């Protein structure tokens, strides 16, 4: 009997209630303004679909330390709000009161009996992690500038991976599909801390300045408001990750990113389908799939699947697409835009030709 595959997994797709903790470092003398800003904001947030409750707390030891805790019916309802333009506008008054923030998100596993009437379900079992946080951003460049942008993005010098004793940047994978750029990162430790560290490096700043003229939407990363707006608009959250632990960071794996042309309103359903299929695939030690990460920007129906294959992609086209078996292929096809044909081998091959994103650069930290 084949022993079960030991795997790592993270997911925002299980429907369990989510607790969000926002840690705030308040500017000296801005405590009353923060309280007033929160009073204005919380009434509007209460009307957001999926929101259950929130609290504003102040440290009893250090009055400059505050936190906002909120509870949501699911991680997806929170992500749909936090990555939306409406969120940016709602929380803008807070930014004038704080000098630093840190956001933590948790699935709820257990609670006292009196609270079980709250919306949403509980996470059924603890997941096994690998210490990594996964995230991506996506943005578009002006048509016709793709070659120039790819050359700039491929040619930068990697920043120092180590941030501090607890946080380091482990891998950056950058892909393009037409004029769309997707940059996926893997961070050991705190994501925000790592991203801030990277953004401060001169070599990274030079690259960002070099591609600014080619962006379809203008940005000014030296302006905090413009930077927040860009990264909120560009956020592509990882909603599911699964990988066989035995493969670890094997250099023999072949990394691909697939951009799925999703039918309007079907992004979440597609993400769930791909997640379920990859969970089943990783359970099979003979599967060509060693691991995958599904990214979803729901209100734009942007779905990207990062997949690590044990074999060349042409040897496992169905697994690479995420559609092994006629039934799964049919379900997948119904979630994709009109004109995508997955009915035969030629259709699958054409899909990979059209939607297997171009790898621009894939960089690991030394020792990985």
Protein backbone atom coordinates (compact mmCIF):
# COMPACT_ATOMS: atom_id res chain seq x y z
CA UNK A 1 0.00 0.00 0.00
CA UNK A 2 1.42 3.38 -1.04
CA UNK A 3 1.88 5.69 1.98
CA UNK A 4 -0.01 9.01 1.84
CA UNK A 5 1.88 11.97 0.42
CA UNK A 6 3.03 14.43 3.07
CA UNK A 7 2.10 17.85 1.80
CA UNK A 8 1.92 21.51 2.74
CA UNK A 9 -1.26 23.44 2.08
CA UNK A 10 -2.78 26.88 2.52
CA UNK A 11 -6.21 27.98 1.37
CA UNK A 12 -8.66 30.86 1.41
CA UNK A 13 -11.24 28.75 -0.39
CA UNK A 14 -12.62 26.53 2.39
CA UNK A 15 -15.34 28.99 3.41
CA UNK A 16 -14.24 29.22 7.03
CA UNK A 17 -14.66 32.41 9.01
CA UNK A 18 -11.67 34.72 9.00
CA UNK A 19 -10.21 36.92 11.72
CA UNK A 20 -8.16 39.90 10.53
CA UNK A 21 -5.83 41.74 12.90
CA UNK A 22 -4.48 45.13 11.85
CA UNK A 23 -1.66 46.37 14.09
CA UNK A 24 -1.24 50.15 14.12
CA UNK A 25 1.61 52.36 15.30
CA UNK A 26 -0.10 55.72 15.84
CA UNK A 27 1.59 59.09 15.38
CA UNK A 28 2.15 60.95 18.65
CA UNK A 29 -0.84 63.16 19.39
CA UNK A 30 -3.02 61.56 16.68
CA UNK A 31 -4.98 59.25 18.99
CA UNK A 32 -8.20 61.27 18.96
CA UNK A 33 -8.06 61.73 15.18
CA UNK A 34 -7.63 57.97 14.80
CA UNK A 35 -10.69 57.34 16.96
CA UNK A 36 -12.76 59.76 14.91
CA UNK A 37 -11.53 58.23 11.63
CA UNK A 38 -12.46 54.77 12.88
CA UNK A 39 -15.94 55.90 13.93
CA UNK A 40 -16.56 57.18 10.39
CA UNK A 41 -15.07 54.12 8.72
CA UNK A 42 -16.66 51.33 10.78
CA UNK A 43 -20.22 52.29 9.85
CA UNK A 44 -19.38 51.92 6.16
CA UNK A 45 -17.41 48.71 6.63
CA UNK A 46 -20.38 47.18 8.49
CA UNK A 47 -22.35 47.33 5.24
CA UNK A 48 -19.71 45.38 3.25
CA UNK A 49 -20.98 41.90 2.28
CA UNK A 50 -19.42 39.21 4.48
CA UNK A 51 -18.41 41.54 7.32
CA UNK A 52 -19.47 40.26 10.77
CA UNK A 53 -17.91 42.54 13.38
CA UNK A 54 -14.87 44.59 14.33
CA UNK A 55 -13.19 46.13 17.36
CA UNK A 56 -10.77 48.99 17.92
CA UNK A 57 -8.32 48.39 20.78
CA UNK A 58 -5.60 50.49 22.41
CA UNK A 59 -2.63 49.05 24.26
CA UNK A 60 -2.80 49.38 28.04
CA UNK A 61 1.01 49.51 28.12
CA UNK A 62 1.83 51.77 25.17
CA UNK A 63 -0.88 54.25 24.06
CA UNK A 64 0.75 54.53 20.61
CA UNK A 65 -0.01 50.87 19.85
CA UNK A 66 -3.51 50.14 18.59
CA UNK A 67 -5.16 47.28 16.75
CA UNK A 68 -8.31 46.75 14.74
CA UNK A 69 -9.72 43.23 14.71
CA UNK A 70 -12.45 42.27 12.30
CA UNK A 71 -14.32 39.07 11.59
CA UNK A 72 -15.54 37.99 8.15
CA UNK A 73 -17.74 35.17 6.89
CA UNK A 74 -14.85 33.89 4.76
CA UNK A 75 -11.39 34.87 3.56
CA UNK A 76 -12.75 35.52 0.07
CA UNK A 77 -15.27 38.09 1.29
CA UNK A 78 -12.47 39.93 3.07
CA UNK A 79 -10.08 39.72 0.09
CA UNK A 80 -12.79 40.97 -2.28
CA UNK A 81 -13.09 44.09 -0.11
CA UNK A 82 -9.48 44.73 0.86
CA UNK A 83 -8.30 44.57 -2.77
CA UNK A 84 -11.00 46.91 -4.05
CA UNK A 85 -10.92 50.67 -4.77
CA UNK A 86 -13.72 51.09 -2.19
CA UNK A 87 -11.37 49.87 0.55
CA UNK A 88 -8.73 52.44 -0.40
CA UNK A 89 -11.25 55.25 -0.15
CA UNK A 90 -12.72 54.02 3.16
CA UNK A 91 -9.43 53.68 5.03
CA UNK A 92 -7.70 56.78 3.67
CA UNK A 93 -8.45 58.85 6.84
CA UNK A 94 -6.53 56.30 8.93
CA UNK A 95 -3.29 56.81 7.02
CA UNK A 96 -2.90 60.37 8.22
CA UNK A 97 -2.84 59.10 11.80
CA UNK A 98 -0.41 56.16 11.66
CA UNK A 99 3.25 55.68 10.88
CA UNK A 100 3.20 51.91 10.46
CA UNK A 101 0.71 49.08 9.99
CA UNK A 102 0.81 45.30 9.82
CA UNK A 103 -2.06 43.07 8.73
CA UNK A 104 -2.50 39.43 9.83
CA UNK A 105 -5.23 37.09 8.54
CA UNK A 106 -6.39 33.87 10.26
CA UNK A 107 -8.96 31.15 9.63
CA UNK A 108 -11.08 30.35 12.71
CA UNK A 109 -10.67 26.75 13.94
CA UNK A 110 -12.29 26.73 17.39
CA UNK A 111 -14.39 29.06 19.54
CA UNK A 112 -16.62 29.06 22.60
CA UNK A 113 -20.07 27.57 22.08
CA UNK A 114 -21.85 30.89 22.52
CA UNK A 115 -20.27 32.24 19.31
CA UNK A 116 -21.22 29.41 16.95
CA UNK A 117 -24.26 31.37 15.70
CA UNK A 118 -21.99 33.83 13.85
CA UNK A 119 -21.94 33.68 10.04
CA UNK A 120 -19.63 31.35 8.14
CA UNK A 121 -18.16 28.00 9.16
CA UNK A 122 -15.09 26.92 11.11
CA UNK A 123 -11.91 25.66 9.52
CA UNK A 124 -12.17 21.91 10.08
CA UNK A 125 -8.52 20.86 10.49
CA UNK A 126 -5.20 22.65 10.92
CA UNK A 127 -3.10 22.94 7.77
CA UNK A 128 0.55 21.99 7.51
CA UNK A 129 2.75 24.93 6.54
CA UNK A 130 6.28 25.44 5.26
CA UNK A 131 6.94 28.90 6.72
CA UNK A 132 6.31 30.61 3.37
CA UNK A 133 3.95 33.42 2.48
CA UNK A 134 2.97 33.62 -1.20
CA UNK A 135 1.66 36.68 -2.99
CA UNK A 136 1.62 38.21 -6.47
CA UNK A 137 0.97 41.51 -8.17
CA UNK A 138 -0.22 42.07 -11.72
CA UNK A 139 -0.33 45.13 -13.94
CA UNK A 140 -0.42 45.98 -17.62
CA UNK A 141 1.97 47.88 -19.84
CA UNK A 142 1.28 49.82 -23.02
CA UNK A 143 0.77 47.55 -26.05
CA UNK A 144 3.92 47.50 -28.16
CA UNK A 145 6.22 47.97 -25.15
CA UNK A 146 6.28 44.31 -24.11
CA UNK A 147 9.78 43.52 -25.41
CA UNK A 148 11.32 46.59 -23.76
CA UNK A 149 9.58 45.87 -20.46
CA UNK A 150 10.67 42.21 -20.50
CA UNK A 151 14.28 43.24 -21.10
CA UNK A 152 14.19 45.68 -18.17
CA UNK A 153 12.54 43.20 -15.80
CA UNK A 154 14.93 40.39 -16.74
CA UNK A 155 18.06 42.47 -16.37
CA UNK A 156 17.92 43.76 -12.80
CA UNK A 157 20.33 42.72 -10.05
CA UNK A 158 18.68 40.66 -7.32
CA UNK A 159 18.36 42.50 -4.00
CA UNK A 160 19.75 41.03 -0.81
CA UNK A 161 17.42 38.20 0.20
CA UNK A 162 17.86 38.50 3.97
CA UNK A 163 15.73 41.15 5.65
CA UNK A 164 16.42 40.23 9.29
CA UNK A 165 16.70 37.16 11.50
CA UNK A 166 13.10 36.12 10.85
CA UNK A 167 12.29 37.33 7.32
CA UNK A 168 13.85 36.72 3.91
CA UNK A 169 12.83 36.78 0.27
CA UNK A 170 13.16 33.20 -1.04
CA UNK A 171 11.97 33.33 -4.65
CA UNK A 172 10.66 35.74 -7.28
CA UNK A 173 9.03 34.42 -10.46
CA UNK A 174 8.07 36.95 -13.13
CA UNK A 175 5.89 36.18 -16.14
CA UNK A 176 4.22 38.05 -19.00
CA UNK A 177 1.10 37.29 -21.05
CA UNK A 178 0.72 39.82 -23.82
CA UNK A 179 0.98 43.17 -22.09
CA UNK A 180 0.13 41.77 -18.63
CA UNK A 181 2.92 41.30 -16.06
CA UNK A 182 2.61 38.90 -13.12
CA UNK A 183 5.25 38.93 -10.38
CA UNK A 184 4.93 36.12 -7.79
CA UNK A 185 7.01 36.08 -4.61
CA UNK A 186 7.70 33.57 -1.85
CA UNK A 187 8.71 35.05 1.49
CA UNK A 188 9.89 33.29 4.62
CA UNK A 189 8.56 35.34 7.53
CA UNK A 190 6.62 38.61 7.17
CA UNK A 191 5.42 39.49 3.67
CA UNK A 192 5.02 43.24 4.23
CA UNK A 193 8.43 43.53 5.84
CA UNK A 194 10.06 41.72 2.91
CA UNK A 195 8.25 43.82 0.30
CA UNK A 196 9.25 47.04 2.01
CA UNK A 197 12.85 45.84 2.17
CA UNK A 198 12.84 45.04 -1.55
CA UNK A 199 11.23 48.36 -2.48
CA UNK A 200 14.00 50.25 -0.68
CA UNK A 201 16.84 48.60 -2.62
CA UNK A 202 18.49 50.91 -5.22
CA UNK A 203 18.55 48.24 -7.93
CA UNK A 204 14.83 47.62 -7.54
CA UNK A 205 14.01 51.33 -7.47
CA UNK A 206 15.94 51.77 -10.73
CA UNK A 207 13.93 49.00 -12.43
CA UNK A 208 10.61 50.40 -11.23
CA UNK A 209 11.55 53.87 -12.49
CA UNK A 210 12.62 52.38 -15.83
CA UNK A 211 9.27 50.71 -16.48
CA UNK A 212 7.13 53.63 -15.28
CA UNK A 213 6.87 55.24 -18.76
CA UNK A 214 5.49 51.98 -20.16
CA UNK A 215 2.69 51.43 -17.63
CA UNK A 216 -0.91 51.77 -18.81
CA UNK A 217 -1.87 53.36 -15.47
CA UNK A 218 0.47 56.02 -14.09
CA UNK A 219 1.99 55.61 -10.64
CA UNK A 220 4.43 57.47 -8.39
CA UNK A 221 5.99 55.08 -5.89
CA UNK A 222 7.64 58.01 -4.08
CA UNK A 223 4.16 59.23 -3.09
CA UNK A 224 2.63 57.06 -0.31
CA UNK A 225 -0.93 57.53 -1.56
CA UNK A 226 -0.02 56.63 -5.15
CA UNK A 227 2.01 53.64 -3.98
CA UNK A 228 -0.87 52.33 -1.83
CA UNK A 229 -3.27 52.77 -4.72
CA UNK A 230 -0.98 50.92 -7.13
CA UNK A 231 -0.31 47.94 -4.85
CA UNK A 232 -3.98 47.63 -3.91
CA UNK A 233 -5.00 47.73 -7.56
CA UNK A 234 -2.21 45.30 -8.52
CA UNK A 235 -2.68 42.79 -5.68
CA UNK A 236 -3.22 39.20 -6.86
CA UNK A 237 -3.71 37.18 -3.65
CA UNK A 238 -2.73 33.53 -3.37
CA UNK A 239 -6.01 31.81 -2.47
CA UNK A 240 -4.74 28.22 -2.52
CA UNK A 241 -1.37 26.48 -2.35
CA UNK A 242 -0.54 22.78 -2.17
CA UNK A 243 2.76 20.97 -2.64
CA UNK A 244 4.32 17.63 -1.89
CA UNK A 245 6.74 18.21 0.97
CA UNK A 246 9.23 15.69 -0.45
CA UNK A 247 9.82 17.88 -3.50
CA UNK A 248 10.69 20.90 -1.37
CA UNK A 249 12.54 23.41 -3.52
CA UNK A 250 13.88 20.84 -5.97
CA UNK A 251 15.74 22.55 -8.84
CA UNK A 252 14.49 19.78 -11.17
CA UNK A 253 10.92 21.07 -11.09
CA UNK A 254 9.68 23.06 -14.08
CA UNK A 255 7.72 26.18 -13.13
CA UNK A 256 4.93 27.48 -15.35
CA UNK A 257 2.24 30.13 -14.91
CA UNK A 258 -1.07 29.80 -16.73
CA UNK A 259 -3.34 32.79 -17.30
CA UNK A 260 -6.95 31.59 -17.52
CA UNK A 261 -9.32 33.57 -19.78
CA UNK A 262 -12.18 33.46 -17.30
CA UNK A 263 -15.87 33.92 -18.09
CA UNK A 264 -17.28 36.97 -16.33
CA UNK A 265 -18.35 36.16 -12.78
CA UNK A 266 -16.68 32.73 -12.77
CA UNK A 267 -13.30 33.57 -11.21
CA UNK A 268 -14.04 32.10 -7.79
CA UNK A 269 -15.60 28.93 -9.23
CA UNK A 270 -12.58 28.44 -11.49
CA UNK A 271 -10.15 28.96 -8.61
CA UNK A 272 -12.01 26.36 -6.54
CA UNK A 273 -11.99 23.85 -9.40
CA UNK A 274 -8.25 24.22 -9.97
CA UNK A 275 -7.55 23.98 -6.24
CA UNK A 276 -9.54 20.75 -5.88
CA UNK A 277 -7.87 19.17 -8.88
CA UNK A 278 -4.37 20.07 -7.70
CA UNK A 279 -5.08 18.76 -4.19
CA UNK A 280 -6.01 15.40 -5.76
CA UNK A 281 -3.00 15.47 -8.07
CA UNK A 282 -0.50 16.13 -5.28
CA UNK A 283 -1.98 13.21 -3.30
CA UNK A 284 -0.77 10.93 -6.11
CA UNK A 285 3.02 10.41 -5.92
CA UNK A 286 2.99 9.47 -9.62
CA UNK A 287 1.36 12.73 -10.69
CA UNK A 288 3.43 15.11 -12.82
CA UNK A 289 2.28 17.94 -10.49
CA UNK A 290 4.56 18.54 -7.51
CA UNK A 291 2.70 21.64 -6.37
CA UNK A 292 0.65 24.65 -7.42
CA UNK A 293 -0.50 28.06 -6.25
CA UNK A 294 -3.77 29.57 -7.45
CA UNK A 295 -4.01 33.37 -7.48
CA UNK A 296 -7.35 35.16 -7.74
CA UNK A 297 -8.35 38.81 -8.14
CA UNK A 298 -12.06 38.18 -7.87
CA UNK A 299 -13.70 41.45 -8.87
CA UNK A 300 -11.78 41.36 -12.18
CA UNK A 301 -12.00 37.56 -12.62
CA UNK A 302 -8.22 37.32 -12.98
CA UNK A 303 -7.05 33.76 -12.30
CA UNK A 304 -3.41 32.72 -12.55
CA UNK A 305 -2.14 29.28 -11.62
CA UNK A 306 1.53 28.76 -10.83
CA UNK A 307 2.35 25.06 -11.27
CA UNK A 308 5.56 23.12 -10.61
CA UNK A 309 5.88 20.07 -12.85
CA UNK A 310 8.12 17.03 -12.48
CA UNK A 311 8.20 16.51 -16.26
CA UNK A 312 8.33 18.77 -19.34
CA UNK A 313 4.96 20.41 -19.95
CA UNK A 314 4.49 18.72 -23.32
CA UNK A 315 4.57 15.33 -21.56
CA UNK A 316 1.65 16.23 -19.26
CA UNK A 317 -0.56 18.79 -21.05
CA UNK A 318 -3.80 17.86 -19.27
CA UNK A 319 -2.23 18.05 -15.82
CA UNK A 320 -0.59 21.34 -16.74
CA UNK A 321 -3.94 22.83 -17.78
CA UNK A 322 -5.61 21.40 -14.67
CA UNK A 323 -8.11 19.28 -16.55
CA UNK A 324 -7.27 15.59 -16.26
CA UNK A 325 -10.30 13.51 -17.28
CA UNK A 326 -13.24 14.29 -19.61
CA UNK A 327 -15.56 15.48 -16.83
CA UNK A 328 -13.02 17.90 -15.38
CA UNK A 329 -12.16 19.18 -18.84
CA UNK A 330 -15.82 19.86 -19.53
CA UNK A 331 -16.35 21.71 -16.26
CA UNK A 332 -13.22 23.78 -16.82
CA UNK A 333 -14.29 24.68 -20.36
CA UNK A 334 -17.65 26.00 -19.10
CA UNK A 335 -15.85 28.45 -16.79
CA UNK A 336 -13.65 29.87 -19.53
CA UNK A 337 -14.39 32.59 -22.06
CA UNK A 338 -16.09 31.74 -25.32
CA UNK A 339 -13.81 30.45 -28.03
CA UNK A 340 -11.59 28.33 -25.77
CA UNK A 341 -11.70 24.74 -27.03
CA UNK A 342 -10.57 21.93 -24.74
CA UNK A 343 -12.38 19.07 -26.48
CA UNK A 344 -9.32 17.35 -27.96
CA UNK A 345 -5.54 17.15 -27.82
CA UNK A 346 -5.17 19.94 -30.36
CA UNK A 347 -7.38 22.23 -28.27
CA UNK A 348 -5.33 21.52 -25.13
CA UNK A 349 -2.10 22.16 -27.03
CA UNK A 350 -3.48 25.42 -28.41
CA UNK A 351 -4.55 26.48 -24.90
CA UNK A 352 -1.01 25.97 -23.62
CA UNK A 353 0.40 27.87 -26.58
CA UNK A 354 -1.95 30.79 -25.92
CA UNK A 355 -2.03 30.89 -22.11
CA UNK A 356 1.20 29.41 -20.75
CA UNK A 357 2.75 32.71 -19.73
CA UNK A 358 6.23 33.69 -20.87
CA UNK A 359 8.80 33.24 -18.10
CA UNK A 360 10.83 36.45 -17.83
CA UNK A 361 12.88 35.61 -14.74
CA UNK A 362 12.80 33.09 -11.89
CA UNK A 363 15.23 33.86 -9.10
CA UNK A 364 15.84 31.96 -5.85
CA UNK A 365 17.72 33.01 -2.77
CA UNK A 366 21.18 31.41 -2.43
CA UNK A 367 20.92 27.93 -0.97
CA UNK A 368 17.37 27.22 -2.21
